[in-house]
């Protein structure tokens, strides 16, 4: 089941050393702010804690959805350590780039 962006529980995360927002939910297309890029993350077949790929849509082994401030290459394959989630991070302190604030 997909939910609206506004109803998602978001966590701070890093993908390839870049800050991103993460939710373990599938997000409905068209519900996230236009200044964010939405990608889904797949976990490995043998380890549901290891994110092994990020792409526009995931059918099998869905792990969650990430939101970035800049577009990613399509179908990024990930190594261990490329993706880290901080579930105790308060999203109120997540800084939105100034260039994105004006285009809300």
Protein backbone atom coordinates (compact mmCIF):
# COMPACT_ATOMS: atom_id res chain seq x y z
CA UNK A 1 0.00 0.00 0.00
CA UNK A 2 1.28 3.47 -0.88
CA UNK A 3 0.82 6.46 1.42
CA UNK A 4 1.04 10.23 0.92
CA UNK A 5 4.40 11.90 1.57
CA UNK A 6 2.82 14.04 4.32
CA UNK A 7 1.85 10.88 6.27
CA UNK A 8 5.26 9.20 6.06
CA UNK A 9 7.54 8.81 9.06
CA UNK A 10 10.84 10.20 7.78
CA UNK A 11 14.36 9.44 8.98
CA UNK A 12 17.63 11.09 8.15
CA UNK A 13 19.98 8.89 6.16
CA UNK A 14 23.08 9.03 4.03
CA UNK A 15 23.36 7.54 0.56
CA UNK A 16 26.86 7.58 -0.92
CA UNK A 17 27.83 10.19 1.71
CA UNK A 18 24.98 12.52 0.68
CA UNK A 19 22.13 13.42 3.08
CA UNK A 20 18.76 11.96 2.12
CA UNK A 21 15.42 11.39 3.80
CA UNK A 22 14.20 7.79 4.23
CA UNK A 23 10.90 6.09 5.00
CA UNK A 24 10.17 2.38 5.07
CA UNK A 25 6.84 3.08 3.32
CA UNK A 26 5.95 3.21 -0.36
CA UNK A 27 5.01 6.80 -1.27
CA UNK A 28 2.30 7.72 -3.76
CA UNK A 29 3.60 9.39 -6.90
CA UNK A 30 2.87 13.10 -7.02
CA UNK A 31 2.54 13.59 -3.25
CA UNK A 32 6.12 14.65 -2.39
CA UNK A 33 7.29 18.24 -2.83
CA UNK A 34 8.35 19.04 -6.40
CA UNK A 35 11.86 19.99 -5.24
CA UNK A 36 12.58 16.45 -3.98
CA UNK A 37 13.54 13.43 -6.06
CA UNK A 38 11.94 10.10 -5.03
CA UNK A 39 13.67 6.72 -5.33
CA UNK A 40 12.90 3.30 -3.94
CA UNK A 41 15.51 1.09 -2.29
CA UNK A 42 15.83 -2.69 -2.65
CA UNK A 43 17.35 -4.93 0.03
CA UNK A 44 19.53 -7.94 -0.74
CA UNK A 45 17.90 -11.36 -1.17
CA UNK A 46 19.79 -12.81 1.77
CA UNK A 47 19.90 -9.76 4.08
CA UNK A 48 16.93 -7.40 4.54
CA UNK A 49 19.15 -4.90 6.40
CA UNK A 50 21.49 -4.38 3.41
CA UNK A 51 20.35 -1.85 0.79
CA UNK A 52 21.75 -3.11 -2.51
CA UNK A 53 20.04 -0.89 -5.12
CA UNK A 54 18.24 2.44 -5.52
CA UNK A 55 16.03 3.13 -8.52
CA UNK A 56 12.78 4.88 -9.49
CA UNK A 57 10.58 1.85 -8.73
CA UNK A 58 11.25 -1.42 -6.90
CA UNK A 59 9.00 -4.44 -7.27
CA UNK A 60 10.80 -7.13 -5.26
CA UNK A 61 12.65 -6.80 -1.92
CA UNK A 62 11.32 -3.29 -1.25
CA UNK A 63 13.20 -1.74 1.70
CA UNK A 64 11.96 1.84 1.60
CA UNK A 65 11.78 5.16 -0.21
CA UNK A 66 14.43 7.86 -0.21
CA UNK A 67 14.15 11.53 -1.11
CA UNK A 68 17.13 13.47 -2.43
CA UNK A 69 17.78 17.11 -3.24
CA UNK A 70 19.49 16.24 -6.54
CA UNK A 71 18.79 13.51 -9.10
CA UNK A 72 20.62 10.18 -8.90
CA UNK A 73 21.81 7.95 -11.69
CA UNK A 74 19.17 5.35 -12.50
CA UNK A 75 19.63 1.92 -10.96
CA UNK A 76 22.48 2.63 -8.52
CA UNK A 77 24.03 -0.56 -7.16
CA UNK A 78 25.17 -0.18 -3.56
CA UNK A 79 27.94 -1.71 -1.48
CA UNK A 80 27.80 -2.28 2.28
CA UNK A 81 28.22 1.06 4.03
CA UNK A 82 26.84 3.12 1.11
CA UNK A 83 23.48 3.59 2.86
CA UNK A 84 23.02 4.41 6.55
CA UNK A 85 19.80 5.31 8.39
CA UNK A 86 19.67 7.39 11.59
CA UNK A 87 16.32 6.53 13.17
CA UNK A 88 16.89 8.65 16.25
CA UNK A 89 17.72 11.81 14.27
CA UNK A 90 15.17 14.61 14.69
CA UNK A 91 14.06 15.63 11.18
CA UNK A 92 13.33 19.16 12.42
CA UNK A 93 17.09 19.73 12.27
CA UNK A 94 17.48 18.40 8.72
CA UNK A 95 18.66 21.35 6.66
CA UNK A 96 16.99 22.02 3.32
CA UNK A 97 19.38 23.65 0.85
CA UNK A 98 18.64 27.37 0.34
CA UNK A 99 18.26 26.81 -3.41
CA UNK A 100 15.37 24.39 -2.71
CA UNK A 101 13.58 26.52 -0.12
CA UNK A 102 12.67 29.17 -2.69
CA UNK A 103 11.08 26.64 -5.04
CA UNK A 104 8.63 25.06 -2.60
